[in-house]
Amino acid sequence: MVSTDQFRQEIKSRFKLAGAQGRQDLTIECGELYRSISKLPVFDPWMIFCCNAMRAEMAKTDRLVFDEDESSLLKIHYSLPRMEGPAPRSN
């Protein structure tokens, strides 16, 4: 079984690689991420951990991607570079 933490580690690894390539954004589709880590069929019951990890890594500058022509369960367009550490609090 693959955990949410394993998916989050892979997402952060992809952020780091994309940042090193000078990219300003990265789009991740949950089915592709899930297959790359778990090697299991996409509609496996454990896929919820992948979706949870993707949502947990979202920041205010990121957005969900809705494409009626694709049957993706979840696709997120992440902005780069990512902030390191906790987000600043507003008072």
Protein backbone atom coordinates (compact mmCIF):
# COMPACT_ATOMS: atom_id res chain seq x y z
CA MET A 1 0.00 0.00 0.00
CA VAL A 2 1.21 3.49 -0.85
CA SER A 3 0.70 6.25 1.72
CA THR A 4 -0.28 9.88 1.36
CA ASP A 5 3.23 10.81 2.53
CA GLN A 6 4.80 8.84 -0.33
CA PHE A 7 2.67 10.72 -2.85
CA ARG A 8 3.52 14.06 -1.19
CA GLN A 9 7.23 13.22 -1.39
CA GLU A 10 6.90 12.49 -5.11
CA ILE A 11 5.00 15.74 -5.69
CA LYS A 12 7.70 17.72 -3.88
CA SER A 13 10.35 15.92 -5.90
CA ARG A 14 8.56 16.98 -9.08
CA PHE A 15 8.37 20.58 -7.82
CA LYS A 16 12.11 20.54 -7.19
CA LEU A 17 12.91 19.11 -10.63
CA ALA A 18 10.59 21.55 -12.43
CA GLY A 19 12.09 24.44 -10.46
CA ALA A 20 15.63 23.35 -11.38
CA GLN A 21 14.50 23.36 -15.02
CA GLY A 22 13.39 26.98 -14.58
CA ARG A 23 9.71 26.21 -15.02
CA GLN A 24 7.09 28.54 -13.56
CA ASP A 25 4.35 25.94 -13.24
CA LEU A 26 3.67 22.22 -13.12
CA THR A 27 0.45 20.35 -13.85
CA ILE A 28 -0.06 16.97 -12.21
CA GLU A 29 -2.84 14.55 -13.08
CA CYS A 30 -3.76 12.12 -10.31
CA GLY A 31 -3.97 9.01 -12.50
CA GLU A 32 -0.45 9.52 -13.84
CA LEU A 33 0.95 10.25 -10.38
CA TYR A 34 -0.83 7.25 -8.90
CA ARG A 35 0.43 4.86 -11.59
CA SER A 36 4.00 6.17 -11.29
CA ILE A 37 4.16 5.43 -7.56
CA SER A 38 1.83 2.50 -6.89
CA LYS A 39 2.07 0.48 -10.14
CA LEU A 40 -1.59 -0.45 -9.49
CA PRO A 41 -4.71 0.13 -11.61
CA VAL A 42 -5.90 3.74 -11.50
CA PHE A 43 -9.28 3.01 -9.90
CA ASP A 44 -7.76 1.07 -7.04
CA PRO A 45 -9.44 1.99 -3.70
CA TRP A 46 -6.14 3.45 -2.43
CA MET A 47 -6.24 6.25 -5.01
CA ILE A 48 -7.82 8.52 -2.37
CA PHE A 49 -4.37 8.85 -0.79
CA CYS A 50 -3.00 10.25 -4.05
CA CYS A 51 -5.82 12.79 -4.38
CA ASN A 52 -5.42 13.81 -0.73
CA ALA A 53 -1.69 14.36 -1.22
CA MET A 54 -2.28 16.50 -4.28
CA ARG A 55 -4.83 18.68 -2.49
CA ALA A 56 -2.59 18.96 0.60
CA GLU A 57 0.20 20.43 -1.57
CA MET A 58 -2.04 23.15 -3.00
CA ALA A 59 -1.30 26.81 -2.29
CA LYS A 60 -3.41 29.90 -2.95
CA THR A 61 -1.69 30.40 -6.31
CA ASP A 62 -2.58 26.90 -7.57
CA ARG A 63 -5.74 25.94 -9.39
CA LEU A 64 -7.81 22.90 -10.20
CA VAL A 65 -8.00 22.06 -13.91
CA PHE A 66 -11.40 21.12 -15.28
CA ASP A 67 -11.38 19.61 -18.75
CA GLU A 68 -14.65 18.17 -19.98
CA ASP A 69 -12.83 16.22 -22.70
CA GLU A 70 -10.71 14.28 -20.20
CA SER A 71 -11.89 11.80 -17.60
CA SER A 72 -9.30 12.72 -14.95
CA LEU A 73 -10.42 12.46 -11.36
CA LEU A 74 -8.16 15.34 -10.32
CA LYS A 75 -5.71 17.61 -12.14
CA ILE A 76 -3.94 20.51 -10.45
CA HIS A 77 -1.89 23.32 -11.98
CA TYR A 78 0.76 24.24 -9.39
CA SER A 79 2.63 27.56 -9.52
CA LEU A 80 6.40 27.54 -9.10
CA PRO A 81 8.55 28.29 -7.23
CA ARG A 82 6.99 26.83 -4.09
CA MET A 83 7.26 28.61 -0.76
CA GLU A 84 9.52 26.85 1.71
CA GLY A 85 8.14 26.39 5.19
CA PRO A 86 4.73 27.43 6.49
CA ALA A 87 2.79 30.18 4.79
CA PRO A 88 2.93 33.57 6.56
CA ARG A 89 0.03 34.36 8.85
CA SER A 90 -2.06 37.44 8.27
CA ASN A 91 -3.35 39.32 11.30
